[in-house]
């Protein structure tokens, strides 16, 4: 394996006024160099995910992390990966914005013998040997859990026979999170005759876009009972739009029930207030899982091709102040 060696031989000549001399040689340890391409900083989740990588892959821990923010543009990610290859990094960690379009650059990485670890979102390639391993969330399971909770909640509340009008505020179109959460929720919705999707819109995983979309729905007269927001930032934007229109959101006297994803501190605060009814965790602290893959490769082992991080779900009836205070993000 190619190794970038951060070995610096420094000869420091210290000359005192008395004419004495001292020669000191300082040698830095060999470090593992990781090129990390992040989608951007579009959400609280993404910021926590980046911080997870930065705090673990430090020089003190024996790493050199080269961080690249793609600013939500796939072409920036592809350019960053080619730069990593040119710099002969030891590993590439990629959080892909979209699932497709990676064959050429990953083929180049494979030719150069650089293992590629896919984190958070998945990619679609005909040749799966182009990447070494994937670690991230089970987005389908998250969406399915949201649908199952909604069905259970309606049953417990005596509303199972009511017609339900649902709006889905989806994340970046074509991303693994958007595809998985949409498909997972749909797997439950398909068995519910009285559930109706009245709108599906791309909220781009941002509060501003979600607020804009919900305002347009309300002003346009679209009636809905449930908002499925595919991350907490969009849920925050949606709540702001509803409150500005005088429409209460939440489980107590609320006109709109909100389901969300990520379970960030802000999202769980809204859950504690009853404004978000259900929040599925999407664990951003994925760096330790990446390090485990690297350790396996460094010791000659073969990591699992695909693995999921540990996650849980929260509801307005189960969330507590203690849980929120214990969150790392």
Protein backbone atom coordinates (compact mmCIF):
# COMPACT_ATOMS: atom_id res chain seq x y z
CA UNK A 1 0.00 0.00 0.00
CA UNK A 2 1.20 3.41 -0.89
CA UNK A 3 1.99 5.49 2.12
CA UNK A 4 2.50 9.21 2.27
CA UNK A 5 5.23 9.64 4.84
CA UNK A 6 5.10 12.74 6.93
CA UNK A 7 8.68 12.23 8.04
CA UNK A 8 10.54 15.48 8.52
CA UNK A 9 14.19 15.49 9.49
CA UNK A 10 14.82 18.87 11.05
CA UNK A 11 18.27 19.95 12.12
CA UNK A 12 17.82 22.72 14.62
CA UNK A 13 21.00 24.58 15.43
CA UNK A 14 20.63 26.44 18.70
CA UNK A 15 23.50 28.80 19.36
CA UNK A 16 23.71 30.45 22.75
CA UNK A 17 25.36 33.76 23.46
CA UNK A 18 28.15 31.81 25.17
CA UNK A 19 28.89 30.06 21.92
CA UNK A 20 27.46 26.67 22.91
CA UNK A 21 25.74 24.53 20.24
CA UNK A 22 23.00 21.88 20.33
CA UNK A 23 21.82 19.79 17.40
CA UNK A 24 18.33 18.23 17.72
CA UNK A 25 16.70 15.84 15.26
CA UNK A 26 12.89 15.59 15.26
CA UNK A 27 11.22 12.79 13.32
CA UNK A 28 7.47 12.67 12.87
CA UNK A 29 5.78 9.29 12.82
CA UNK A 30 4.48 7.80 9.60
CA UNK A 31 0.82 8.65 9.22
CA UNK A 32 -2.11 7.17 7.33
CA UNK A 33 -3.41 9.74 4.87
CA UNK A 34 -7.15 9.88 4.22
CA UNK A 35 -8.82 11.94 1.52
CA UNK A 36 -12.36 12.73 2.69
CA UNK A 37 -14.98 14.12 0.31
CA UNK A 38 -18.02 15.50 2.17
CA UNK A 39 -21.27 16.53 0.47
CA UNK A 40 -21.36 19.93 2.17
CA UNK A 41 -22.65 21.50 5.36
CA UNK A 42 -26.34 21.67 4.50
CA UNK A 43 -27.66 20.36 7.82
CA UNK A 44 -26.88 19.92 11.49
CA UNK A 45 -26.45 16.22 10.77
CA UNK A 46 -23.82 16.88 8.12
CA UNK A 47 -21.85 19.19 10.38
CA UNK A 48 -21.82 16.52 13.11
CA UNK A 49 -20.74 13.91 10.57
CA UNK A 50 -17.79 16.06 9.45
CA UNK A 51 -16.79 16.77 13.04
CA UNK A 52 -16.82 13.03 13.77
CA UNK A 53 -14.20 12.53 11.06
CA UNK A 54 -12.11 15.55 12.02
CA UNK A 55 -11.98 14.68 15.71
CA UNK A 56 -10.93 11.06 15.19
CA UNK A 57 -8.59 11.19 12.19
CA UNK A 58 -6.05 13.54 13.73
CA UNK A 59 -2.25 13.69 13.60
CA UNK A 60 -2.16 12.72 17.27
CA UNK A 61 -4.02 9.52 16.36
CA UNK A 62 -1.64 8.73 13.51
CA UNK A 63 -3.63 10.14 10.58
CA UNK A 64 -3.51 12.98 8.09
CA UNK A 65 -7.03 13.98 7.00
CA UNK A 66 -7.46 15.92 3.77
CA UNK A 67 -10.97 17.37 3.93
CA UNK A 68 -12.92 18.53 0.88
CA UNK A 69 -16.35 20.21 1.05
CA UNK A 70 -18.25 19.60 -2.20
CA UNK A 71 -20.84 22.30 -1.50
CA UNK A 72 -23.60 20.01 -2.77
CA UNK A 73 -22.07 19.63 -6.25
CA UNK A 74 -21.12 16.21 -7.53
CA UNK A 75 -18.59 17.66 -9.95
CA UNK A 76 -16.72 19.07 -6.97
CA UNK A 77 -16.60 15.63 -5.39
CA UNK A 78 -15.31 13.99 -8.54
CA UNK A 79 -12.61 16.66 -8.86
CA UNK A 80 -11.64 16.15 -5.21
CA UNK A 81 -11.31 12.40 -5.72
CA UNK A 82 -9.00 12.88 -8.71
CA UNK A 83 -6.90 15.21 -6.56
CA UNK A 84 -6.74 12.59 -3.80
CA UNK A 85 -5.57 10.02 -6.34
CA UNK A 86 -2.91 12.41 -7.65
CA UNK A 87 -1.70 12.96 -4.09
CA UNK A 88 -1.46 9.19 -3.60
CA UNK A 89 -3.49 9.12 -0.40
CA UNK A 90 -3.79 5.80 1.41
CA UNK A 91 -7.59 5.78 1.60
CA UNK A 92 -10.48 7.70 0.13
CA UNK A 93 -13.66 8.20 2.16
CA UNK A 94 -16.61 9.37 0.09
CA UNK A 95 -20.00 10.66 1.24
CA UNK A 96 -21.66 10.73 -2.19
CA UNK A 97 -24.19 13.41 -3.04
CA UNK A 98 -25.82 11.13 -5.63
CA UNK A 99 -25.72 7.37 -6.13
CA UNK A 100 -24.70 7.36 -9.80
CA UNK A 101 -21.84 8.77 -11.87
CA UNK A 102 -18.82 7.33 -10.04
CA UNK A 103 -17.45 4.67 -12.39
CA UNK A 104 -14.66 6.65 -14.06
CA UNK A 105 -13.05 8.18 -10.99
CA UNK A 106 -13.38 5.03 -8.89
CA UNK A 107 -11.84 2.99 -11.70
CA UNK A 108 -8.85 5.33 -11.55
CA UNK A 109 -8.60 4.89 -7.78
CA UNK A 110 -8.69 1.12 -8.20
CA UNK A 111 -5.89 1.26 -10.77
CA UNK A 112 -3.78 3.17 -8.26
CA UNK A 113 -4.53 0.66 -5.51
CA UNK A 114 -6.34 3.15 -3.28
CA UNK A 115 -9.20 1.61 -1.25
CA UNK A 116 -12.43 3.62 -1.34
CA UNK A 117 -14.76 3.58 1.64
CA UNK A 118 -18.30 4.80 1.01
CA UNK A 119 -19.86 6.49 4.04
CA UNK A 120 -23.44 7.57 4.80
CA UNK A 121 -24.94 7.34 1.31
CA UNK A 122 -24.55 4.43 -1.09
CA UNK A 123 -23.47 4.40 -4.75
CA UNK A 124 -24.65 2.39 -7.73
CA UNK A 125 -21.89 0.83 -9.85
CA UNK A 126 -21.91 -2.29 -12.01
CA UNK A 127 -18.52 -3.34 -10.65
CA UNK A 128 -18.75 -3.45 -6.86
CA UNK A 129 -15.00 -3.99 -6.59
CA UNK A 130 -14.64 -0.26 -7.31
CA UNK A 131 -15.27 0.38 -3.62
CA UNK A 132 -13.95 -1.57 -0.65
CA UNK A 133 -16.75 -1.15 1.88
CA UNK A 134 -19.83 0.85 2.76
CA UNK A 135 -20.87 2.03 6.21
CA UNK A 136 -23.96 4.07 6.95
CA UNK A 137 -27.58 4.07 7.95
CA UNK A 138 -30.30 1.69 6.85
CA UNK A 139 -32.48 4.37 5.28
CA UNK A 140 -35.15 1.95 4.12
CA UNK A 141 -35.54 0.70 7.68
CA UNK A 142 -35.83 4.31 8.91
CA UNK A 143 -38.64 5.09 6.47
CA UNK A 144 -40.38 1.83 7.26
CA UNK A 145 -40.16 2.54 11.00
CA UNK A 146 -41.81 5.93 10.46
CA UNK A 147 -44.67 4.32 8.55
CA UNK A 148 -45.17 1.61 11.11
CA UNK A 149 -45.20 4.11 13.97
CA UNK A 150 -47.79 6.25 12.16
CA UNK A 151 -50.06 3.24 11.63
CA UNK A 152 -49.67 2.22 15.27
CA UNK A 153 -50.30 5.75 16.53
CA UNK A 154 -53.48 6.08 14.49
CA UNK A 155 -54.70 2.73 15.79
CA UNK A 156 -54.05 3.71 19.41
CA UNK A 157 -55.71 7.10 18.91
CA UNK A 158 -58.82 5.64 17.31
CA UNK A 159 -58.15 7.30 13.95
CA UNK A 160 -57.24 4.18 11.97
CA UNK A 161 -60.38 4.44 9.84
CA UNK A 162 -59.87 8.10 8.94
CA UNK A 163 -58.61 9.33 5.59
CA UNK A 164 -55.05 10.59 5.95
CA UNK A 165 -53.59 13.23 3.63
CA UNK A 166 -49.80 13.12 3.62
CA UNK A 167 -47.13 15.51 2.34
CA UNK A 168 -43.59 14.22 1.90
CA UNK A 169 -40.76 16.73 2.06
CA UNK A 170 -37.98 14.70 0.54
CA UNK A 171 -34.24 15.23 0.68
CA UNK A 172 -31.87 15.74 -2.25
CA UNK A 173 -33.36 13.82 -5.17
CA UNK A 174 -31.34 10.73 -6.04
CA UNK A 175 -29.50 10.56 -2.72
CA UNK A 176 -29.52 7.30 -0.78
CA UNK A 177 -31.30 8.89 2.17
CA UNK A 178 -34.08 10.23 -0.05
CA UNK A 179 -34.51 6.98 -1.95
CA UNK A 180 -34.38 4.72 1.09
CA UNK A 181 -36.66 6.76 3.34
CA UNK A 182 -39.18 7.24 0.54
CA UNK A 183 -39.24 3.55 -0.34
CA UNK A 184 -39.35 2.45 3.29
CA UNK A 185 -42.31 4.67 4.09
CA UNK A 186 -44.04 3.62 0.85
CA UNK A 187 -43.73 -0.04 1.85
CA UNK A 188 -46.11 0.68 4.73
CA UNK A 189 -48.26 3.20 2.88
CA UNK A 190 -49.02 0.67 0.12
CA UNK A 191 -50.96 -1.43 2.64
CA UNK A 192 -53.04 1.50 3.88
CA UNK A 193 -56.12 2.15 1.75
CA UNK A 194 -56.98 5.45 3.45
CA UNK A 195 -53.50 7.00 3.25
CA UNK A 196 -53.04 9.42 0.37
CA UNK A 197 -49.89 11.26 -0.71
CA UNK A 198 -51.10 14.71 -1.76
CA UNK A 199 -47.64 16.14 -2.47
CA UNK A 200 -44.03 14.98 -2.76
CA UNK A 201 -41.45 17.76 -2.97
CA UNK A 202 -37.68 18.13 -2.88
CA UNK A 203 -36.84 20.12 0.24
CA UNK A 204 -33.09 19.75 -0.37
CA UNK A 205 -32.54 18.79 3.29
CA UNK A 206 -32.66 22.49 4.27
CA UNK A 207 -34.96 24.43 6.61
CA UNK A 208 -35.25 27.38 4.21
CA UNK A 209 -36.43 25.29 1.28
CA UNK A 210 -38.90 23.34 3.43
CA UNK A 211 -40.36 26.54 4.85
CA UNK A 212 -40.78 27.92 1.34
CA UNK A 213 -42.54 24.75 0.13
CA UNK A 214 -44.92 24.50 3.08
CA UNK A 215 -45.81 28.17 2.77
CA UNK A 216 -46.68 27.55 -0.89
CA UNK A 217 -48.85 24.56 0.03
CA UNK A 218 -50.74 26.49 2.68
CA UNK A 219 -51.21 29.55 0.47
CA UNK A 220 -52.34 27.31 -2.38
CA UNK A 221 -55.04 25.74 -0.26
CA UNK A 222 -53.59 22.22 -0.13
CA UNK A 223 -55.00 20.40 2.88
CA UNK A 224 -52.87 17.82 4.69
CA UNK A 225 -52.83 15.97 7.99
CA UNK A 226 -49.29 14.57 8.12
CA UNK A 227 -45.91 15.99 7.12
CA UNK A 228 -43.13 13.47 6.58
CA UNK A 229 -39.91 15.50 6.63
CA UNK A 230 -36.84 13.55 5.61
CA UNK A 231 -34.60 15.38 8.06
CA UNK A 232 -34.87 17.58 11.15
CA UNK A 233 -33.81 20.75 9.36
CA UNK A 234 -36.75 20.45 6.98
CA UNK A 235 -39.05 19.70 9.91
CA UNK A 236 -37.86 22.92 11.57
CA UNK A 237 -38.60 24.91 8.42
CA UNK A 238 -42.01 23.26 8.05
CA UNK A 239 -42.96 24.04 11.65
CA UNK A 240 -41.98 27.69 11.14
CA UNK A 241 -44.21 27.92 8.06
CA UNK A 242 -47.16 26.29 9.82
CA UNK A 243 -46.85 28.49 12.89
CA UNK A 244 -46.63 31.62 10.73
CA UNK A 245 -49.91 30.56 9.11
CA UNK A 246 -51.53 29.94 12.48
CA UNK A 247 -51.65 26.18 11.98
CA UNK A 248 -50.63 24.26 15.13
CA UNK A 249 -48.30 21.30 14.61
CA UNK A 250 -47.96 18.47 17.07
CA UNK A 251 -49.74 15.80 18.99
CA UNK A 252 -51.80 17.97 21.32
CA UNK A 253 -54.51 19.92 19.52
CA UNK A 254 -52.26 19.99 16.48
CA UNK A 255 -53.73 20.05 13.01
CA UNK A 256 -50.63 18.53 11.41
CA UNK A 257 -48.66 15.53 12.63
CA UNK A 258 -44.94 15.73 11.82
CA UNK A 259 -42.62 12.76 11.33
CA UNK A 260 -38.92 13.45 10.95
CA UNK A 261 -35.49 11.84 10.61
CA UNK A 262 -31.96 12.32 12.02
CA UNK A 263 -32.80 12.83 15.73
CA UNK A 264 -30.44 15.76 16.13
CA UNK A 265 -30.56 17.71 19.38
CA UNK A 266 -32.76 20.37 17.74
CA UNK A 267 -35.10 17.74 16.37
CA UNK A 268 -35.45 16.03 19.71
CA UNK A 269 -36.11 19.37 21.42
CA UNK A 270 -39.06 19.79 19.06
CA UNK A 271 -40.08 16.23 19.85
CA UNK A 272 -40.00 17.00 23.58
CA UNK A 273 -42.25 20.00 22.90
CA UNK A 274 -44.65 17.73 21.03
CA UNK A 275 -44.16 19.51 17.70
CA UNK A 276 -42.44 16.50 16.14
CA UNK A 277 -44.30 13.28 16.86
CA UNK A 278 -41.71 10.77 15.63
CA UNK A 279 -37.99 11.08 14.91
CA UNK A 280 -35.86 8.26 13.51
CA UNK A 281 -32.20 8.46 14.41
CA UNK A 282 -29.63 8.71 11.65
CA UNK A 283 -26.34 8.38 13.50
CA UNK A 284 -23.76 10.85 12.09
CA UNK A 285 -20.92 9.63 14.32
CA UNK A 286 -19.61 7.23 11.71
CA UNK A 287 -15.86 7.86 11.91
CA UNK A 288 -15.24 4.98 14.40
CA UNK A 289 -16.84 2.58 11.92
CA UNK A 290 -14.59 3.92 9.15
CA UNK A 291 -11.55 3.52 11.37
CA UNK A 292 -12.51 -0.08 12.07
CA UNK A 293 -12.57 -0.75 8.32
CA UNK A 294 -9.15 0.88 7.90
CA UNK A 295 -7.74 -1.11 10.82
CA UNK A 296 -9.00 -4.33 9.26
CA UNK A 297 -7.33 -3.48 5.97
CA UNK A 298 -4.09 -2.35 7.64
CA UNK A 299 -3.84 -5.71 9.42
CA UNK A 300 -4.44 -7.69 6.26
CA UNK A 301 -8.08 -8.51 6.85
CA UNK A 302 -11.17 -8.18 4.67
CA UNK A 303 -13.91 -5.90 6.05
CA UNK A 304 -17.61 -6.49 5.61
CA UNK A 305 -18.74 -5.14 2.25
CA UNK A 306 -21.71 -3.38 3.82
CA UNK A 307 -22.45 -2.49 7.43
CA UNK A 308 -24.95 -0.28 9.22
CA UNK A 309 -24.46 1.96 12.23
CA UNK A 310 -26.51 1.49 15.39
CA UNK A 311 -29.63 3.65 15.55
CA UNK A 312 -32.92 4.01 17.40
CA UNK A 313 -36.23 5.90 17.19
CA UNK A 314 -37.82 8.51 19.44
CA UNK A 315 -41.40 9.69 19.88
CA UNK A 316 -43.14 12.51 21.70
CA UNK A 317 -44.15 10.00 24.38
CA UNK A 318 -40.71 8.45 24.93
CA UNK A 319 -38.30 11.39 24.62
CA UNK A 320 -36.88 12.85 27.84
CA UNK A 321 -34.66 15.75 28.82
CA UNK A 322 -31.99 13.25 29.94
CA UNK A 323 -31.88 11.70 26.47
CA UNK A 324 -31.45 15.07 24.80
CA UNK A 325 -28.75 16.24 27.21
CA UNK A 326 -26.79 13.06 26.56
CA UNK A 327 -26.71 13.62 22.78
CA UNK A 328 -23.34 14.30 21.20
CA UNK A 329 -24.88 16.31 18.38
